[in-house]
Amino acid sequence: MSGFFDSEIVKEQIKEMEDLQQEIIERTMSAPFMGGPEKKEHVELMRQFLDKQKNLCFRIQLSQDPQALEMKERIKEAAIMLGMDPESGINEFFEKMDETLDYLEEIADE
C-alpha cells in the first residue's frame, strides 16, 4: 500500500499549489503598485490556490492513510492555534478566506 502523499494525483496537486504559491508571493511584492485589473487577477490566483487547498483537505479528510490522518491532525491543531472551533476549524477557515477574497475583489477598483 502506498502512502497518501505518494499518489500521483496528490503529488500533482501539491506541485500546482507550490507553483501558484510562488506566483502569489512574487506578485504580492508589487501589489501596492497594481491597478484594478491586476489586483483582481491577483485575487483570482489566491482563489485558485484556496480552491486547491480545499480540494486537498477534502481528500485528506476522506483518507484513512496514516500520512493523511497525521496531516488531518496537524490541520486541526493549526485551526485551534488560529482560534477556530476544532470541530468546524478547517471549514470555518475556508469560509473566512472566501469572505476575505470577496472583500479584496470588491475593493480592487478603489
Protein backbone atom coordinates (compact mmCIF):
# COMPACT_ATOMS: atom_id res chain seq x y z
CA MET A 1 0.00 0.00 0.00
CA SER A 2 1.41 3.35 -0.97
CA GLY A 3 1.15 6.43 1.17
CA PHE A 4 -1.34 9.22 0.62
CA PHE A 5 1.36 11.64 -0.46
CA ASP A 6 2.87 9.08 -2.86
CA SER A 7 -0.23 9.26 -5.06
CA GLU A 8 0.47 10.85 -8.45
CA ILE A 9 -2.75 12.87 -8.19
CA VAL A 10 -1.77 14.25 -4.79
CA LYS A 11 1.79 14.94 -5.94
CA GLU A 12 0.49 16.82 -8.98
CA GLN A 13 -1.95 18.81 -6.85
CA ILE A 14 0.77 19.76 -4.38
CA LYS A 15 3.09 20.82 -7.23
CA GLU A 16 0.33 23.01 -8.69
CA MET A 17 -0.18 24.56 -5.25
CA GLU A 18 3.53 25.23 -4.86
CA ASP A 19 3.66 26.91 -8.28
CA LEU A 20 0.63 29.06 -7.50
CA GLN A 21 2.01 29.95 -4.10
CA GLN A 22 5.30 31.06 -5.64
CA GLU A 23 3.49 33.20 -8.20
CA ILE A 24 1.33 34.77 -5.49
CA ILE A 25 4.38 35.57 -3.38
CA GLU A 26 6.16 37.17 -6.32
CA ARG A 27 3.12 39.26 -7.25
CA THR A 28 2.47 40.30 -3.65
CA MET A 29 5.68 42.31 -3.64
CA SER A 30 4.24 44.61 -6.31
CA ALA A 31 0.63 44.58 -5.04
CA PRO A 32 0.71 48.20 -3.79
CA PHE A 33 1.52 49.33 -7.33
CA MET A 34 -1.12 47.23 -9.13
CA GLY A 35 -4.11 48.70 -10.90
CA GLY A 36 -7.64 47.32 -10.51
CA PRO A 37 -7.41 44.60 -13.20
CA GLU A 38 -4.04 43.39 -11.88
CA LYS A 39 -5.40 43.30 -8.34
CA LYS A 40 -8.39 41.24 -9.49
CA GLU A 41 -6.06 38.85 -11.30
CA HIS A 42 -4.01 38.55 -8.11
CA VAL A 43 -7.15 37.80 -6.09
CA GLU A 44 -8.12 35.18 -8.70
CA LEU A 45 -4.75 33.46 -8.24
CA MET A 46 -5.33 33.42 -4.49
CA ARG A 47 -8.81 31.99 -5.08
CA GLN A 48 -7.36 29.22 -7.28
CA PHE A 49 -4.83 28.44 -4.55
CA LEU A 50 -7.57 28.32 -1.92
CA ASP A 51 -9.67 26.01 -4.09
CA LYS A 52 -6.72 23.64 -4.45
CA GLN A 53 -6.22 23.73 -0.67
CA LYS A 54 -9.90 22.89 -0.14
CA ASN A 55 -9.63 20.00 -2.56
CA LEU A 56 -6.54 18.59 -0.88
CA CYS A 57 -8.08 18.95 2.58
CA PHE A 58 -11.20 17.17 1.35
CA ARG A 59 -9.03 14.29 0.09
CA ILE A 60 -7.19 14.21 3.40
CA GLN A 61 -10.44 14.10 5.38
CA LEU A 62 -11.70 11.13 3.33
CA SER A 63 -8.50 9.12 3.56
CA GLN A 64 -7.66 6.52 6.17
CA ASP A 65 -3.99 6.51 5.19
CA PRO A 66 -1.72 7.13 8.23
CA GLN A 67 0.02 10.04 6.45
CA ALA A 68 -3.30 11.69 5.70
CA LEU A 69 -4.56 11.11 9.25
CA GLU A 70 -1.40 12.74 10.60
CA MET A 71 -1.86 15.72 8.28
CA LYS A 72 -5.52 15.96 9.28
CA GLU A 73 -4.44 16.20 12.91
CA ARG A 74 -1.88 18.92 12.09
CA ILE A 75 -4.52 20.91 10.23
CA LYS A 76 -6.86 20.60 13.21
CA GLU A 77 -4.10 21.79 15.57
CA ALA A 78 -3.35 24.76 13.30
CA ALA A 79 -7.03 25.69 13.26
CA ILE A 80 -7.10 25.62 17.06
CA MET A 81 -3.97 27.80 17.21
CA LEU A 82 -5.77 30.30 14.97
CA GLY A 83 -8.63 30.40 17.48
CA MET A 84 -11.09 28.34 15.49
CA ASP A 85 -13.50 25.75 16.77
CA PRO A 86 -11.72 22.38 16.41
CA GLU A 87 -14.89 20.73 15.11
CA SER A 88 -15.50 23.23 12.31
CA GLY A 89 -11.98 24.67 12.19
CA ILE A 90 -10.95 23.95 8.63
CA ASN A 91 -14.38 24.70 7.19
CA GLU A 92 -14.54 27.93 9.17
CA PHE A 93 -11.06 28.83 7.93
CA PHE A 94 -12.03 28.33 4.29
CA GLU A 95 -15.26 30.31 4.76
CA LYS A 96 -13.33 33.22 6.25
CA MET A 97 -10.75 33.08 3.46
CA ASP A 98 -13.53 33.12 0.84
CA GLU A 99 -15.04 36.17 2.55
CA THR A 100 -11.65 37.88 2.62
CA LEU A 101 -11.07 37.22 -1.07
CA ASP A 102 -14.57 38.52 -1.88
CA TYR A 103 -13.75 41.69 0.03
CA LEU A 104 -10.39 42.11 -1.70
CA GLU A 105 -12.06 41.68 -5.06
CA GLU A 106 -14.66 44.33 -4.16
CA ILE A 107 -12.04 46.90 -3.20
CA ALA A 108 -9.67 46.12 -6.08
CA ASP A 109 -11.03 49.04 -8.11
CA GLU A 110 -10.67 51.60 -5.32
